[in-house]
Amino acid sequence: MTEAEQLVAGYDGPLRSQVIELAENVVFMAHKLKETRESMGKTPLIVRYDNGGGQSGYRENPVFKAYNQLMADYRKSMQQLADLLQTYGARPQSDESTPLFRILREAKSA
């Protein structure tokens, strides 16, 4: 079972393949966010640039901009996943430690 399938274990609704695909994207983004956070700890917030055409100076490190965009996309995808699961009647296992249970609980509290 893939990590995405584990994330939505307990859901066997009509859109299962779409839910798994969305879960795969969520898992992918979660891994990329972790990788990016680790590299951000080693890089400065502001970096020097030189475009080769006579312009140079300082700018925000593109890693931080990419991280912020990825985080926004991740949050949106998590909400879409939770909405799909709730709309089509996902029933989480009673174990509160399961990823599906946490997704649905967080969606209800949001």
PDB file of N, CA and C in Angstrom:
ATOM      1  N   MET A   1       0.855  -1.183   0.000  1.00  0.00           N
ATOM      2  CA  MET A   1       0.000   0.000   0.000  1.00  0.00           C
ATOM      3  C   MET A   1       0.895   1.239   0.000  1.00  0.00           C
ATOM      4  N   THR A   2       0.600   2.185  -0.875  1.00  0.00           N
ATOM      5  CA  THR A   2       1.403   3.398  -0.949  1.00  0.00           C
ATOM      6  C   THR A   2       1.089   4.307   0.234  1.00  0.00           C
ATOM      7  N   GLU A   3       1.919   5.288   0.421  1.00  0.00           N
ATOM      8  CA  GLU A   3       1.704   6.253   1.510  1.00  0.00           C
ATOM      9  C   GLU A   3       0.385   6.993   1.319  1.00  0.00           C
ATOM     10  N   ALA A   4       0.056   7.303   0.069  1.00  0.00           N
ATOM     11  CA  ALA A   4      -1.202   7.992  -0.220  1.00  0.00           C
ATOM     12  C   ALA A   4      -2.393   7.090   0.096  1.00  0.00           C
ATOM     13  N   GLU A   5      -2.291   5.821  -0.236  1.00  0.00           N
ATOM     14  CA  GLU A   5      -3.381   4.889   0.066  1.00  0.00           C
ATOM     15  C   GLU A   5      -3.546   4.719   1.572  1.00  0.00           C
ATOM     16  N   GLN A   6      -2.443   4.746   2.292  1.00  0.00           N
ATOM     17  CA  GLN A   6      -2.521   4.674   3.749  1.00  0.00           C
ATOM     18  C   GLN A   6      -3.192   5.917   4.307  1.00  0.00           C
ATOM     19  N   LEU A   7      -2.925   7.061   3.670  1.00  0.00           N
ATOM     20  CA  LEU A   7      -3.492   8.327   4.118  1.00  0.00           C
ATOM     21  C   LEU A   7      -5.014   8.299   4.049  1.00  0.00           C
ATOM     22  N   VAL A   8      -5.561   7.653   3.036  1.00  0.00           N
ATOM     23  CA  VAL A   8      -7.013   7.620   2.873  1.00  0.00           C
ATOM     24  C   VAL A   8      -7.595   6.238   3.140  1.00  0.00           C
ATOM     25  N   ALA A   9      -6.846   5.406   3.861  1.00  0.00           N
ATOM     26  CA  ALA A   9      -7.365   4.079   4.225  1.00  0.00           C
ATOM     27  C   ALA A   9      -8.676   4.264   4.978  1.00  0.00           C
ATOM     28  N   GLY A  10      -9.629   3.437   4.680  1.00  0.00           N
ATOM     29  CA  GLY A  10     -10.942   3.554   5.313  1.00  0.00           C
ATOM     30  C   GLY A  10     -11.939   4.248   4.412  1.00  0.00           C
ATOM     31  N   TYR A  11     -11.478   4.815   3.299  1.00  0.00           N
ATOM     32  CA  TYR A  11     -12.376   5.466   2.348  1.00  0.00           C
ATOM     33  C   TYR A  11     -12.517   4.567   1.133  1.00  0.00           C
ATOM     34  N   ASP A  12     -13.749   4.237   0.815  1.00  0.00           N
ATOM     35  CA  ASP A  12     -14.001   3.383  -0.343  1.00  0.00           C
ATOM     36  C   ASP A  12     -15.174   3.960  -1.133  1.00  0.00           C
ATOM     37  N   GLY A  13     -15.171   5.278  -1.300  1.00  0.00           N
ATOM     38  CA  GLY A  13     -16.279   5.960  -1.954  1.00  0.00           C
ATOM     39  C   GLY A  13     -16.166   5.982  -3.467  1.00  0.00           C
ATOM     40  N   PRO A  14     -17.109   6.683  -4.105  1.00  0.00           N
ATOM     41  CA  PRO A  14     -17.197   6.694  -5.563  1.00  0.00           C
ATOM     42  C   PRO A  14     -16.024   7.384  -6.262  1.00  0.00           C
ATOM     43  N   LEU A  15     -15.328   8.236  -5.584  1.00  0.00           N
ATOM     44  CA  LEU A  15     -14.213   8.975  -6.192  1.00  0.00           C
ATOM     45  C   LEU A  15     -12.863   8.487  -5.661  1.00  0.00           C
ATOM     46  N   ARG A  16     -12.781   7.216  -5.318  1.00  0.00           N
ATOM     47  CA  ARG A  16     -11.571   6.692  -4.683  1.00  0.00           C
ATOM     48  C   ARG A  16     -10.310   6.986  -5.487  1.00  0.00           C
ATOM     49  N   SER A  17     -10.331   6.793  -6.796  1.00  0.00           N
ATOM     50  CA  SER A  17      -9.113   7.020  -7.590  1.00  0.00           C
ATOM     51  C   SER A  17      -8.710   8.497  -7.563  1.00  0.00           C
ATOM     52  N   GLN A  18      -9.684   9.411  -7.609  1.00  0.00           N
ATOM     53  CA  GLN A  18      -9.357  10.837  -7.532  1.00  0.00           C
ATOM     54  C   GLN A  18      -8.853  11.215  -6.151  1.00  0.00           C
ATOM     55  N   VAL A  19      -9.436  10.611  -5.130  1.00  0.00           N
ATOM     56  CA  VAL A  19      -9.006  10.882  -3.755  1.00  0.00           C
ATOM     57  C   VAL A  19      -7.567  10.400  -3.562  1.00  0.00           C
ATOM     58  N   ILE A  20      -7.250   9.215  -4.089  1.00  0.00           N
ATOM     59  CA  ILE A  20      -5.882   8.702  -3.970  1.00  0.00           C
ATOM     60  C   ILE A  20      -4.914   9.594  -4.735  1.00  0.00           C
ATOM     61  N   GLU A  21      -5.307  10.051  -5.921  1.00  0.00           N
ATOM     62  CA  GLU A  21      -4.429  10.932  -6.692  1.00  0.00           C
ATOM     63  C   GLU A  21      -4.171  12.240  -5.943  1.00  0.00           C
ATOM     64  N   LEU A  22      -5.216  12.814  -5.372  1.00  0.00           N
ATOM     65  CA  LEU A  22      -5.046  14.039  -4.583  1.00  0.00           C
ATOM     66  C   LEU A  22      -4.175  13.757  -3.363  1.00  0.00           C
ATOM     67  N   ALA A  23      -4.373  12.617  -2.726  1.00  0.00           N
ATOM     68  CA  ALA A  23      -3.555  12.239  -1.570  1.00  0.00           C
ATOM     69  C   ALA A  23      -2.094  12.067  -1.979  1.00  0.00           C
ATOM     70  N   GLU A  24      -1.847  11.528  -3.176  1.00  0.00           N
ATOM     71  CA  GLU A  24      -0.474  11.401  -3.668  1.00  0.00           C
ATOM     72  C   GLU A  24       0.179  12.770  -3.812  1.00  0.00           C
ATOM     73  N   ASN A  25      -0.575  13.746  -4.299  1.00  0.00           N
ATOM     74  CA  ASN A  25      -0.050  15.112  -4.422  1.00  0.00           C
ATOM     75  C   ASN A  25       0.238  15.711  -3.043  1.00  0.00           C
ATOM     76  N   VAL A  26      -0.643  15.454  -2.094  1.00  0.00           N
ATOM     77  CA  VAL A  26      -0.447  15.953  -0.730  1.00  0.00           C
ATOM     78  C   VAL A  26       0.818  15.348  -0.126  1.00  0.00           C
ATOM     79  N   VAL A  27       0.996  14.053  -0.300  1.00  0.00           N
ATOM     80  CA  VAL A  27       2.182  13.378   0.231  1.00  0.00           C
ATOM     81  C   VAL A  27       3.445  13.933  -0.428  1.00  0.00           C
ATOM     82  N   PHE A  28       3.410  14.109  -1.750  1.00  0.00           N
ATOM     83  CA  PHE A  28       4.549  14.660  -2.480  1.00  0.00           C
ATOM     84  C   PHE A  28       4.905  16.057  -1.951  1.00  0.00           C
ATOM     85  N   MET A  29       3.892  16.906  -1.790  1.00  0.00           N
ATOM     86  CA  MET A  29       4.146  18.261  -1.297  1.00  0.00           C
ATOM     87  C   MET A  29       4.691  18.234   0.122  1.00  0.00           C
ATOM     88  N   ALA A  30       4.193  17.329   0.956  1.00  0.00           N
ATOM     89  CA  ALA A  30       4.686  17.230   2.328  1.00  0.00           C
ATOM     90  C   ALA A  30       6.170  16.886   2.336  1.00  0.00           C
ATOM     91  N   HIS A  31       6.578  15.964   1.473  1.00  0.00           N
ATOM     92  CA  HIS A  31       7.996  15.599   1.392  1.00  0.00           C
ATOM     93  C   HIS A  31       8.835  16.774   0.878  1.00  0.00           C
ATOM     94  N   LYS A  32       8.340  17.482  -0.127  1.00  0.00           N
ATOM     95  CA  LYS A  32       9.078  18.626  -0.669  1.00  0.00           C
ATOM     96  C   LYS A  32       9.178  19.756   0.347  1.00  0.00           C
ATOM     97  N   LEU A  33       8.128  19.965   1.117  1.00  0.00           N
ATOM     98  CA  LEU A  33       8.182  20.988   2.166  1.00  0.00           C
ATOM     99  C   LEU A  33       9.253  20.646   3.193  1.00  0.00           C
ATOM    100  N   LYS A  34       9.317  19.386   3.570  1.00  0.00           N
ATOM    101  CA  LYS A  34      10.337  18.969   4.532  1.00  0.00           C
ATOM    102  C   LYS A  34      11.738  19.182   3.971  1.00  0.00           C
ATOM    103  N   GLU A  35      11.964  18.766   2.724  1.00  0.00           N
ATOM    104  CA  GLU A  35      13.269  18.953   2.082  1.00  0.00           C
ATOM    105  C   GLU A  35      13.628  20.440   2.007  1.00  0.00           C
ATOM    106  N   THR A  36      12.649  21.243   1.638  1.00  0.00           N
ATOM    107  CA  THR A  36      12.895  22.680   1.489  1.00  0.00           C
ATOM    108  C   THR A  36      13.199  23.327   2.827  1.00  0.00           C
ATOM    109  N   ARG A  37      12.465  22.932   3.874  1.00  0.00           N
ATOM    110  CA  ARG A  37      12.739  23.471   5.214  1.00  0.00           C
ATOM    111  C   ARG A  37      14.171  23.172   5.632  1.00  0.00           C
ATOM    112  N   GLU A  38      14.616  21.949   5.348  1.00  0.00           N
ATOM    113  CA  GLU A  38      15.978  21.576   5.720  1.00  0.00           C
ATOM    114  C   GLU A  38      17.004  22.417   4.977  1.00  0.00           C
ATOM    115  N   SER A  39      16.783  22.677   3.696  1.00  0.00           N
ATOM    116  CA  SER A  39      17.746  23.483   2.934  1.00  0.00           C
ATOM    117  C   SER A  39      17.649  24.959   3.305  1.00  0.00           C
ATOM    118  N   MET A  40      16.461  25.413   3.708  1.00  0.00           N
ATOM    119  CA  MET A  40      16.296  26.817   4.089  1.00  0.00           C
ATOM    120  C   MET A  40      17.110  27.152   5.327  1.00  0.00           C
ATOM    121  N   GLY A  41      17.301  26.183   6.196  1.00  0.00           N
ATOM    122  CA  GLY A  41      18.076  26.423   7.404  1.00  0.00           C
ATOM    123  C   GLY A  41      19.539  26.711   7.119  1.00  0.00           C
ATOM    124  N   LYS A  42      19.971  26.390   5.907  1.00  0.00           N
ATOM    125  CA  LYS A  42      21.373  26.582   5.538  1.00  0.00           C
ATOM    126  C   LYS A  42      21.573  27.747   4.569  1.00  0.00           C
ATOM    127  N   THR A  43      20.505  28.428   4.221  1.00  0.00           N
ATOM    128  CA  THR A  43      20.610  29.511   3.239  1.00  0.00           C
ATOM    129  C   THR A  43      20.124  30.828   3.832  1.00  0.00           C
ATOM    130  N   PRO A  44      20.663  31.941   3.352  1.00  0.00           N
ATOM    131  CA  PRO A  44      20.223  33.242   3.860  1.00  0.00           C
ATOM    132  C   PRO A  44      18.877  33.651   3.264  1.00  0.00           C
ATOM    133  N   LEU A  45      18.168  34.506   3.971  1.00  0.00           N
ATOM    134  CA  LEU A  45      16.883  35.018   3.503  1.00  0.00           C
ATOM    135  C   LEU A  45      17.066  35.950   2.300  1.00  0.00           C
ATOM    136  N   ILE A  46      18.132  36.732   2.337  1.00  0.00           N
ATOM    137  CA  ILE A  46      18.436  37.684   1.260  1.00  0.00           C
ATOM    138  C   ILE A  46      19.698  37.212   0.542  1.00  0.00           C
ATOM    139  N   VAL A  47      19.647  37.197  -0.792  1.00  0.00           N
ATOM    140  CA  VAL A  47      20.803  36.769  -1.583  1.00  0.00           C
ATOM    141  C   VAL A  47      21.166  37.847  -2.601  1.00  0.00           C
ATOM    142  N   ARG A  48      22.406  37.836  -2.975  1.00  0.00           N
ATOM    143  CA  ARG A  48      22.896  38.764  -3.992  1.00  0.00           C
ATOM    144  C   ARG A  48      22.577  38.180  -5.358  1.00  0.00           C
ATOM    145  N   TYR A  49      22.263  39.059  -6.332  1.00  0.00           N
ATOM    146  CA  TYR A  49      22.021  38.587  -7.687  1.00  0.00           C
ATOM    147  C   TYR A  49      22.741  39.496  -8.679  1.00  0.00           C
ATOM    148  N   ASP A  50      22.994  38.951  -9.828  1.00  0.00           N
ATOM    149  CA  ASP A  50      23.579  39.690 -10.945  1.00  0.00           C
ATOM    150  C   ASP A  50      22.995  39.066 -12.206  1.00  0.00           C
ATOM    151  N   ASN A  51      22.179  39.829 -12.928  1.00  0.00           N
ATOM    152  CA  ASN A  51      21.509  39.251 -14.085  1.00  0.00           C
ATOM    153  C   ASN A  51      22.370  39.266 -15.347  1.00  0.00           C
ATOM    154  N   GLY A  52      23.570  39.755 -15.254  1.00  0.00           N
ATOM    155  CA  GLY A  52      24.470  39.764 -16.402  1.00  0.00           C
ATOM    156  C   GLY A  52      24.244  40.930 -17.352  1.00  0.00           C
ATOM    157  N   GLY A  53      23.196  41.677 -17.152  1.00  0.00           N
ATOM    158  CA  GLY A  53      22.895  42.807 -18.023  1.00  0.00           C
ATOM    159  C   GLY A  53      23.126  44.144 -17.345  1.00  0.00           C
ATOM    160  N   GLY A  54      23.919  44.134 -16.322  1.00  0.00           N
ATOM    161  CA  GLY A  54      24.221  45.379 -15.628  1.00  0.00           C
ATOM    162  C   GLY A  54      23.396  45.601 -14.381  1.00  0.00           C
ATOM    163  N   GLN A  55      22.450  44.744 -14.126  1.00  0.00           N
ATOM    164  CA  GLN A  55      21.656  44.873 -12.914  1.00  0.00           C
ATOM    165  C   GLN A  55      22.147  43.877 -11.877  1.00  0.00           C
ATOM    166  N   SER A  56      22.333  44.382 -10.696  1.00  0.00           N
ATOM    167  CA  SER A  56      22.712  43.513  -9.591  1.00  0.00           C
ATOM    168  C   SER A  56      22.180  44.123  -8.313  1.00  0.00           C
ATOM    169  N   GLY A  57      22.186  43.356  -7.294  1.00  0.00           N
ATOM    170  CA  GLY A  57      21.680  43.838  -6.010  1.00  0.00           C
ATOM    171  C   GLY A  57      21.337  42.680  -5.113  1.00  0.00           C
ATOM    172  N   TYR A  58      20.337  42.899  -4.267  1.00  0.00           N
ATOM    173  CA  TYR A  58      19.900  41.880  -3.322  1.00  0.00           C
ATOM    174  C   TYR A  58      18.421  41.624  -3.521  1.00  0.00           C
ATOM    175  N   ARG A  59      18.034  40.397  -3.268  1.00  0.00           N
ATOM    176  CA  ARG A  59      16.622  40.030  -3.380  1.00  0.00           C
ATOM    177  C   ARG A  59      16.315  38.913  -2.385  1.00  0.00           C
ATOM    178  N   GLU A  60      15.031  38.688  -2.200  1.00  0.00           N
ATOM    179  CA  GLU A  60      14.616  37.569  -1.354  1.00  0.00           C
ATOM    180  C   GLU A  60      15.098  36.272  -2.006  1.00  0.00           C
ATOM    181  N   ASN A  61      15.593  35.382  -1.194  1.00  0.00           N
ATOM    182  CA  ASN A  61      16.047  34.095  -1.692  1.00  0.00           C
ATOM    183  C   ASN A  61      14.860  33.365  -2.332  1.00  0.00           C
ATOM    184  N   PRO A  62      14.987  32.932  -3.589  1.00  0.00           N
ATOM    185  CA  PRO A  62      13.874  32.252  -4.264  1.00  0.00           C
ATOM    186  C   PRO A  62      13.388  30.992  -3.536  1.00  0.00           C
ATOM    187  N   VAL A  63      14.244  30.394  -2.732  1.00  0.00           N
ATOM    188  CA  VAL A  63      13.839  29.208  -1.976  1.00  0.00           C
ATOM    189  C   VAL A  63      12.687  29.543  -1.029  1.00  0.00           C
ATOM    190  N   PHE A  64      12.732  30.712  -0.404  1.00  0.00           N
ATOM    191  CA  PHE A  64      11.692  31.103   0.539  1.00  0.00           C
ATOM    192  C   PHE A  64      10.372  31.371  -0.190  1.00  0.00           C
ATOM    193  N   LYS A  65      10.456  32.001  -1.345  1.00  0.00           N
ATOM    194  CA  LYS A  65       9.250  32.259  -2.139  1.00  0.00           C
ATOM    195  C   LYS A  65       8.627  30.940  -2.591  1.00  0.00           C
ATOM    196  N   ALA A  66       9.447  30.014  -3.054  1.00  0.00           N
ATOM    197  CA  ALA A  66       8.957  28.705  -3.489  1.00  0.00           C
ATOM    198  C   ALA A  66       8.321  27.957  -2.316  1.00  0.00           C
ATOM    199  N   TYR A  67       8.953  28.026  -1.157  1.00  0.00           N
ATOM    200  CA  TYR A  67       8.415  27.350   0.027  1.00  0.00           C
ATOM    201  C   TYR A  67       7.042  27.909   0.389  1.00  0.00           C
ATOM    202  N   ASN A  68       6.913  29.235   0.401  1.00  0.00           N
ATOM    203  CA  ASN A  68       5.636  29.850   0.754  1.00  0.00           C
ATOM    204  C   ASN A  68       4.535  29.456  -0.225  1.00  0.00           C
ATOM    205  N   GLN A  69       4.846  29.405  -1.516  1.00  0.00           N
ATOM    206  CA  GLN A  69       3.854  29.002  -2.514  1.00  0.00           C
ATOM    207  C   GLN A  69       3.481  27.534  -2.344  1.00  0.00           C
ATOM    208  N   LEU A  70       4.476  26.698  -2.120  1.00  0.00           N
ATOM    209  CA  LEU A  70       4.209  25.273  -1.926  1.00  0.00           C
ATOM    210  C   LEU A  70       3.364  25.051  -0.675  1.00  0.00           C
ATOM    211  N   MET A  71       3.631  25.800   0.379  1.00  0.00           N
ATOM    212  CA  MET A  71       2.846  25.674   1.606  1.00  0.00           C
ATOM    213  C   MET A  71       1.387  26.069   1.359  1.00  0.00           C
ATOM    214  N   ALA A  72       1.179  27.127   0.604  1.00  0.00           N
ATOM    215  CA  ALA A  72      -0.188  27.547   0.280  1.00  0.00           C
ATOM    216  C   ALA A  72      -0.903  26.466  -0.535  1.00  0.00           C
ATOM    217  N   ASP A  73      -0.219  25.907  -1.509  1.00  0.00           N
ATOM    218  CA  ASP A  73      -0.798  24.834  -2.321  1.00  0.00           C
ATOM    219  C   ASP A  73      -1.077  23.591  -1.484  1.00  0.00           C
ATOM    220  N   TYR A  74      -0.187  23.290  -0.565  1.00  0.00           N
ATOM    221  CA  TYR A  74      -0.352  22.142   0.322  1.00  0.00           C
ATOM    222  C   TYR A  74      -1.598  22.308   1.190  1.00  0.00           C
ATOM    223  N   ARG A  75      -1.741  23.477   1.777  1.00  0.00           N
ATOM    224  CA  ARG A  75      -2.919  23.733   2.623  1.00  0.00           C
ATOM    225  C   ARG A  75      -4.205  23.621   1.814  1.00  0.00           C
ATOM    226  N   LYS A  76      -4.193  24.172   0.613  1.00  0.00           N
ATOM    227  CA  LYS A  76      -5.374  24.113  -0.249  1.00  0.00           C
ATOM    228  C   LYS A  76      -5.693  22.655  -0.613  1.00  0.00           C
ATOM    229  N   SER A  77      -4.678  21.895  -0.942  1.00  0.00           N
ATOM    230  CA  SER A  77      -4.889  20.493  -1.301  1.00  0.00           C
ATOM    231  C   SER A  77      -5.380  19.671  -0.117  1.00  0.00           C
ATOM    232  N   MET A  78      -4.850  19.946   1.063  1.00  0.00           N
ATOM    233  CA  MET A  78      -5.320  19.245   2.263  1.00  0.00           C
ATOM    234  C   MET A  78      -6.795  19.550   2.514  1.00  0.00           C
ATOM    235  N   GLN A  79      -7.183  20.801   2.317  1.00  0.00           N
ATOM    236  CA  GLN A  79      -8.586  21.166   2.518  1.00  0.00           C
ATOM    237  C   GLN A  79      -9.475  20.493   1.479  1.00  0.00           C
ATOM    238  N   GLN A  80      -9.012  20.452   0.223  1.00  0.00           N
ATOM    239  CA  GLN A  80      -9.778  19.772  -0.817  1.00  0.00           C
ATOM    240  C   GLN A  80      -9.927  18.293  -0.493  1.00  0.00           C
ATOM    241  N   LEU A  81      -8.861  17.680  -0.030  1.00  0.00           N
ATOM    242  CA  LEU A  81      -8.901  16.271   0.328  1.00  0.00           C
ATOM    243  C   LEU A  81      -9.897  16.040   1.463  1.00  0.00           C
ATOM    244  N   ALA A  82      -9.823  16.852   2.479  1.00  0.00           N
ATOM    245  CA  ALA A  82     -10.747  16.717   3.610  1.00  0.00           C
ATOM    246  C   ALA A  82     -12.182  16.937   3.160  1.00  0.00           C
ATOM    247  N   ASP A  83     -12.415  17.925   2.301  1.00  0.00           N
ATOM    248  CA  ASP A  83     -13.768  18.195   1.806  1.00  0.00           C
ATOM    249  C   ASP A  83     -14.315  17.009   1.011  1.00  0.00           C
ATOM    250  N   LEU A  84     -13.470  16.449   0.133  1.00  0.00           N
ATOM    251  CA  LEU A  84     -13.897  15.285  -0.647  1.00  0.00           C
ATOM    252  C   LEU A  84     -14.237  14.115   0.267  1.00  0.00           C
ATOM    253  N   LEU A  85     -13.380  13.877   1.236  1.00  0.00           N
ATOM    254  CA  LEU A  85     -13.600  12.752   2.136  1.00  0.00           C
ATOM    255  C   LEU A  85     -14.876  12.941   2.954  1.00  0.00           C
ATOM    256  N   GLN A  86     -15.111  14.151   3.415  1.00  0.00           N
ATOM    257  CA  GLN A  86     -16.316  14.405   4.203  1.00  0.00           C
ATOM    258  C   GLN A  86     -17.566  14.341   3.333  1.00  0.00           C
ATOM    259  N   THR A  87     -17.494  14.908   2.137  1.00  0.00           N
ATOM    260  CA  THR A  87     -18.641  14.930   1.239  1.00  0.00           C
ATOM    261  C   THR A  87     -19.091  13.530   0.867  1.00  0.00           C
ATOM    262  N   TYR A  88     -18.119  12.654   0.635  1.00  0.00           N
ATOM    263  CA  TYR A  88     -18.450  11.308   0.186  1.00  0.00           C
ATOM    264  C   TYR A  88     -18.360  10.271   1.290  1.00  0.00           C
ATOM    265  N   GLY A  89     -18.467  10.733   2.510  1.00  0.00           N
ATOM    266  CA  GLY A  89     -18.663   9.827   3.630  1.00  0.00           C
ATOM    267  C   GLY A  89     -17.504   8.968   4.071  1.00  0.00           C
ATOM    268  N   ALA A  90     -16.329   9.526   4.106  1.00  0.00           N
ATOM    269  CA  ALA A  90     -15.197   8.758   4.621  1.00  0.00           C
ATOM    270  C   ALA A  90     -15.445   8.464   6.090  1.00  0.00           C
ATOM    271  N   ARG A  91     -15.169   7.260   6.461  1.00  0.00           N
ATOM    272  CA  ARG A  91     -15.326   6.844   7.847  1.00  0.00           C
ATOM    273  C   ARG A  91     -13.964   6.451   8.389  1.00  0.00           C
ATOM    274  N   PRO A  92     -13.358   7.343   9.171  1.00  0.00           N
ATOM    275  CA  PRO A  92     -12.039   6.996   9.695  1.00  0.00           C
ATOM    276  C   PRO A  92     -12.139   5.853  10.691  1.00  0.00           C
ATOM    277  N   GLN A  93     -11.064   5.116  10.785  1.00  0.00           N
ATOM    278  CA  GLN A  93     -10.988   4.089  11.803  1.00  0.00           C
ATOM    279  C   GLN A  93     -11.049   4.774  13.154  1.00  0.00           C
ATOM    280  N   SER A  94     -11.411   4.057  14.169  1.00  0.00           N
ATOM    281  CA  SER A  94     -11.565   4.672  15.492  1.00  0.00           C
ATOM    282  C   SER A  94     -10.226   5.089  16.096  1.00  0.00           C
ATOM    283  N   ASP A  95      -9.140   4.583  15.541  1.00  0.00           N
ATOM    284  CA  ASP A  95      -7.808   4.915  16.050  1.00  0.00           C
ATOM    285  C   ASP A  95      -7.471   6.361  15.695  1.00  0.00           C
ATOM    286  N   GLU A  96      -7.352   7.198  16.691  1.00  0.00           N
ATOM    287  CA  GLU A  96      -7.113   8.622  16.467  1.00  0.00           C
ATOM    288  C   GLU A  96      -5.742   8.927  15.886  1.00  0.00           C
ATOM    289  N   SER A  97      -4.874   7.949  15.828  1.00  0.00           N
ATOM    290  CA  SER A  97      -3.537   8.194  15.288  1.00  0.00           C
ATOM    291  C   SER A  97      -3.482   8.017  13.772  1.00  0.00           C
ATOM    292  N   THR A  98      -4.574   7.575  13.136  1.00  0.00           N
ATOM    293  CA  THR A  98      -4.541   7.370  11.691  1.00  0.00           C
ATOM    294  C   THR A  98      -4.547   8.718  10.969  1.00  0.00           C
ATOM    295  N   PRO A  99      -3.855   8.808   9.842  1.00  0.00           N
ATOM    296  CA  PRO A  99      -3.825  10.064   9.082  1.00  0.00           C
ATOM    297  C   PRO A  99      -5.217  10.533   8.667  1.00  0.00           C
ATOM    298  N   LEU A 100      -6.090   9.617   8.241  1.00  0.00           N
ATOM    299  CA  LEU A 100      -7.431   9.992   7.809  1.00  0.00           C
ATOM    300  C   LEU A 100      -8.207  10.618   8.952  1.00  0.00           C
ATOM    301  N   PHE A 101      -8.108  10.041  10.139  1.00  0.00           N
ATOM    302  CA  PHE A 101      -8.800  10.597  11.298  1.00  0.00           C
ATOM    303  C   PHE A 101      -8.331  12.028  11.563  1.00  0.00           C
ATOM    304  N   ARG A 102      -7.008  12.234  11.498  1.00  0.00           N
ATOM    305  CA  ARG A 102      -6.465  13.573  11.755  1.00  0.00           C
ATOM    306  C   ARG A 102      -6.929  14.577  10.704  1.00  0.00           C
ATOM    307  N   ILE A 103      -6.952  14.178   9.437  1.00  0.00           N
ATOM    308  CA  ILE A 103      -7.385  15.086   8.369  1.00  0.00           C
ATOM    309  C   ILE A 103      -8.829  15.525   8.624  1.00  0.00           C
ATOM    310  N   LEU A 104      -9.695  14.570   8.890  1.00  0.00           N
ATOM    311  CA  LEU A 104     -11.110  14.892   9.085  1.00  0.00           C
ATOM    312  C   LEU A 104     -11.325  15.710  10.347  1.00  0.00           C
ATOM    313  N   ARG A 105     -10.599  15.404  11.422  1.00  0.00           N
ATOM    314  CA  ARG A 105     -10.736  16.166  12.663  1.00  0.00           C
ATOM    315  C   ARG A 105     -10.291  17.609  12.449  1.00  0.00           C
ATOM    316  N   GLU A 106      -9.154  17.797  11.751  1.00  0.00           N
ATOM    317  CA  GLU A 106      -8.660  19.147  11.508  1.00  0.00           C
ATOM    318  C   GLU A 106      -9.613  19.926  10.606  1.00  0.00           C
ATOM    319  N   ALA A 107     -10.209  19.257   9.634  1.00  0.00           N
ATOM    320  CA  ALA A 107     -11.149  19.935   8.739  1.00  0.00           C
ATOM    321  C   ALA A 107     -12.381  20.390   9.493  1.00  0.00           C
ATOM    322  N   LYS A 108     -12.852  19.574  10.441  1.00  0.00           N
ATOM    323  CA  LYS A 108     -14.024  19.946  11.219  1.00  0.00           C
ATOM    324  C   LYS A 108     -13.732  21.142  12.115  1.00  0.00           C
ATOM    325  N   SER A 109     -12.521  21.234  12.627  1.00  0.00           N
ATOM    326  CA  SER A 109     -12.189  22.330  13.544  1.00  0.00           C
ATOM    327  C   SER A 109     -11.838  23.614  12.806  1.00  0.00           C
ATOM    328  N   ALA A 110     -11.579  23.534  11.514  1.00  0.00           N
ATOM    329  CA  ALA A 110     -11.189  24.723  10.730  1.00  0.00           C
ATOM    330  C   ALA A 110     -12.395  25.556  10.365  1.00  0.00           C
TER     331      ALA A 110
END
